[in-house]
Amino acid sequence: MVQGKKYEKPVVSHVRIRTNNMNVDRRPVVEFDVEFRNRKFKNIRFSLVPRRFNKYPVLIGNKFMNLAKISVNVNAVNTLPESYSNNHYVQKI
């Protein structure tokens, strides 16, 4: 469920993700078209995992960040305040 809407998508692949406790999860991957910073990106891959207890509903990976030309300074704190949740910089799926 994304922003209160339920989607059915075909699984295009599976990935293995090492979690914090060093276990390896096998997760399904689906593709969505994404609008981010007023640009449209086709067939962006998302690995699926329940995130209802996490602060952010979606994590953006390195491949998408490169595609969208996003640069992050890892030495800076890059957390947006909750008031930005309705801002146009938050991706629309």
C-alpha atoms as a PDB file:
ATOM      1  CA  MET A   1       0.000   0.000   0.000  1.00  0.00           C
ATOM      2  CA  VAL A   2       1.399   3.390  -1.032  1.00  0.00           C
ATOM      3  CA  GLN A   3      -0.201   6.601   0.228  1.00  0.00           C
ATOM      4  CA  GLY A   4      -3.353   4.659   1.125  1.00  0.00           C
ATOM      5  CA  LYS A   5      -3.678   3.043  -2.311  1.00  0.00           C
ATOM      6  CA  LYS A   6      -3.219  -0.677  -2.954  1.00  0.00           C
ATOM      7  CA  TYR A   7      -1.282  -1.820  -6.042  1.00  0.00           C
ATOM      8  CA  GLU A   8      -0.780  -5.184  -7.696  1.00  0.00           C
ATOM      9  CA  LYS A   9       2.474  -5.437  -9.611  1.00  0.00           C
ATOM     10  CA  PRO A  10       4.311  -8.402 -11.136  1.00  0.00           C
ATOM     11  CA  VAL A  11       7.486  -9.492  -9.369  1.00  0.00           C
ATOM     12  CA  VAL A  12      10.358  -8.847 -11.807  1.00  0.00           C
ATOM     13  CA  SER A  13      13.140 -10.384  -9.686  1.00  0.00           C
ATOM     14  CA  HIS A  14      14.330 -11.101  -6.161  1.00  0.00           C
ATOM     15  CA  VAL A  15      17.253  -9.600  -4.238  1.00  0.00           C
ATOM     16  CA  ARG A  16      19.153 -10.742  -1.188  1.00  0.00           C
ATOM     17  CA  ILE A  17      19.575  -8.019   1.438  1.00  0.00           C
ATOM     18  CA  ARG A  18      21.806  -8.286   4.492  1.00  0.00           C
ATOM     19  CA  THR A  19      19.886  -6.868   7.463  1.00  0.00           C
ATOM     20  CA  ASN A  20      21.267  -5.126  10.569  1.00  0.00           C
ATOM     21  CA  ASN A  21      21.538  -8.354  12.516  1.00  0.00           C
ATOM     22  CA  MET A  22      23.544  -9.954   9.675  1.00  0.00           C
ATOM     23  CA  ASN A  23      20.691 -12.154   8.473  1.00  0.00           C
ATOM     24  CA  VAL A  24      20.036 -12.306   4.754  1.00  0.00           C
ATOM     25  CA  ASP A  25      16.490 -11.598   3.535  1.00  0.00           C
ATOM     26  CA  ARG A  26      15.237 -12.562   0.083  1.00  0.00           C
ATOM     27  CA  ARG A  27      12.898  -9.806  -1.106  1.00  0.00           C
ATOM     28  CA  PRO A  28      10.678  -9.500  -4.166  1.00  0.00           C
ATOM     29  CA  VAL A  29      11.299  -6.599  -6.555  1.00  0.00           C
ATOM     30  CA  VAL A  30       8.615  -4.664  -8.457  1.00  0.00           C
ATOM     31  CA  GLU A  31       8.812  -1.725 -10.857  1.00  0.00           C
ATOM     32  CA  PHE A  32       6.990   1.606 -10.581  1.00  0.00           C
ATOM     33  CA  ASP A  33       6.996   4.756 -12.667  1.00  0.00           C
ATOM     34  CA  VAL A  34       8.106   7.565 -10.345  1.00  0.00           C
ATOM     35  CA  GLU A  35       7.809  11.339 -10.438  1.00  0.00           C
ATOM     36  CA  PHE A  36      10.575  13.008  -8.426  1.00  0.00           C
ATOM     37  CA  ARG A  37      11.483  16.712  -8.492  1.00  0.00           C
ATOM     38  CA  ASN A  38       9.151  17.264 -11.449  1.00  0.00           C
ATOM     39  CA  ARG A  39      10.921  14.579 -13.534  1.00  0.00           C
ATOM     40  CA  LYS A  40       9.400  11.261 -14.571  1.00  0.00           C
ATOM     41  CA  PHE A  41      11.343   8.022 -14.299  1.00  0.00           C
ATOM     42  CA  LYS A  42      10.085   4.779 -15.834  1.00  0.00           C
ATOM     43  CA  ASN A  43      10.420   1.269 -14.385  1.00  0.00           C
ATOM     44  CA  ILE A  44      12.215   2.121 -11.145  1.00  0.00           C
ATOM     45  CA  ARG A  45      12.845  -1.008  -9.109  1.00  0.00           C
ATOM     46  CA  PHE A  46      11.776  -1.306  -5.480  1.00  0.00           C
ATOM     47  CA  SER A  47      12.497  -4.228  -3.183  1.00  0.00           C
ATOM     48  CA  LEU A  48       9.477  -4.901  -1.001  1.00  0.00           C
ATOM     49  CA  VAL A  49       9.654  -5.019   2.771  1.00  0.00           C
ATOM     50  CA  PRO A  50       7.136  -3.926   5.420  1.00  0.00           C
ATOM     51  CA  ARG A  51       8.102  -0.429   6.615  1.00  0.00           C
ATOM     52  CA  ARG A  52       5.119   0.486   8.799  1.00  0.00           C
ATOM     53  CA  PHE A  53       7.370   0.750  11.876  1.00  0.00           C
ATOM     54  CA  ASN A  54      10.094   2.742  10.091  1.00  0.00           C
ATOM     55  CA  LYS A  55      10.313   6.522   9.964  1.00  0.00           C
ATOM     56  CA  TYR A  56      10.397   6.649   6.148  1.00  0.00           C
ATOM     57  CA  PRO A  57       8.024   4.618   3.945  1.00  0.00           C
ATOM     58  CA  VAL A  58      10.563   4.294   1.090  1.00  0.00           C
ATOM     59  CA  LEU A  59      14.337   4.203   0.872  1.00  0.00           C
ATOM     60  CA  ILE A  60      16.031   5.493  -2.288  1.00  0.00           C
ATOM     61  CA  GLY A  61      18.979   3.443  -3.509  1.00  0.00           C
ATOM     62  CA  ASN A  62      22.240   4.503  -5.139  1.00  0.00           C
ATOM     63  CA  LYS A  63      21.154   3.554  -8.665  1.00  0.00           C
ATOM     64  CA  PHE A  64      18.121   5.850  -8.520  1.00  0.00           C
ATOM     65  CA  MET A  65      20.123   8.640  -6.878  1.00  0.00           C
ATOM     66  CA  ASN A  66      22.626   8.511  -9.754  1.00  0.00           C
ATOM     67  CA  LEU A  67      19.839   8.437 -12.340  1.00  0.00           C
ATOM     68  CA  ALA A  68      18.111  11.434 -10.695  1.00  0.00           C
ATOM     69  CA  LYS A  69      21.476  13.233 -10.282  1.00  0.00           C
ATOM     70  CA  ILE A  70      21.116  13.441  -6.505  1.00  0.00           C
ATOM     71  CA  SER A  71      24.242  14.007  -4.442  1.00  0.00           C
ATOM     72  CA  VAL A  72      24.352  13.393  -0.693  1.00  0.00           C
ATOM     73  CA  ASN A  73      27.007  14.548   1.730  1.00  0.00           C
ATOM     74  CA  VAL A  74      27.290  11.578   4.104  1.00  0.00           C
ATOM     75  CA  ASN A  75      28.949  13.778   6.707  1.00  0.00           C
ATOM     76  CA  ALA A  76      25.877  16.026   6.993  1.00  0.00           C
ATOM     77  CA  VAL A  77      22.556  15.327   8.670  1.00  0.00           C
ATOM     78  CA  ASN A  78      20.059  15.003   5.807  1.00  0.00           C
ATOM     79  CA  THR A  79      16.816  14.351   7.656  1.00  0.00           C
ATOM     80  CA  LEU A  80      13.843  16.456   6.620  1.00  0.00           C
ATOM     81  CA  PRO A  81      11.425  17.571   9.313  1.00  0.00           C
ATOM     82  CA  GLU A  82       8.008  15.917   9.289  1.00  0.00           C
ATOM     83  CA  SER A  83       6.484  19.183   7.998  1.00  0.00           C
ATOM     84  CA  TYR A  84       8.116  18.414   4.620  1.00  0.00           C
ATOM     85  CA  SER A  85       6.028  15.253   4.145  1.00  0.00           C
ATOM     86  CA  ASN A  86       3.553  17.060   1.851  1.00  0.00           C
ATOM     87  CA  ASN A  87       6.304  18.960   0.026  1.00  0.00           C
ATOM     88  CA  HIS A  88       6.810  18.502  -3.737  1.00  0.00           C
ATOM     89  CA  TYR A  89      10.254  16.990  -3.074  1.00  0.00           C
ATOM     90  CA  VAL A  90       8.675  13.867  -1.642  1.00  0.00           C
ATOM     91  CA  GLN A  91       8.319  11.324  -4.431  1.00  0.00           C
ATOM     92  CA  LYS A  92       4.952  10.504  -5.914  1.00  0.00           C
ATOM     93  CA  ILE A  93       4.414   6.874  -6.829  1.00  0.00           C
END
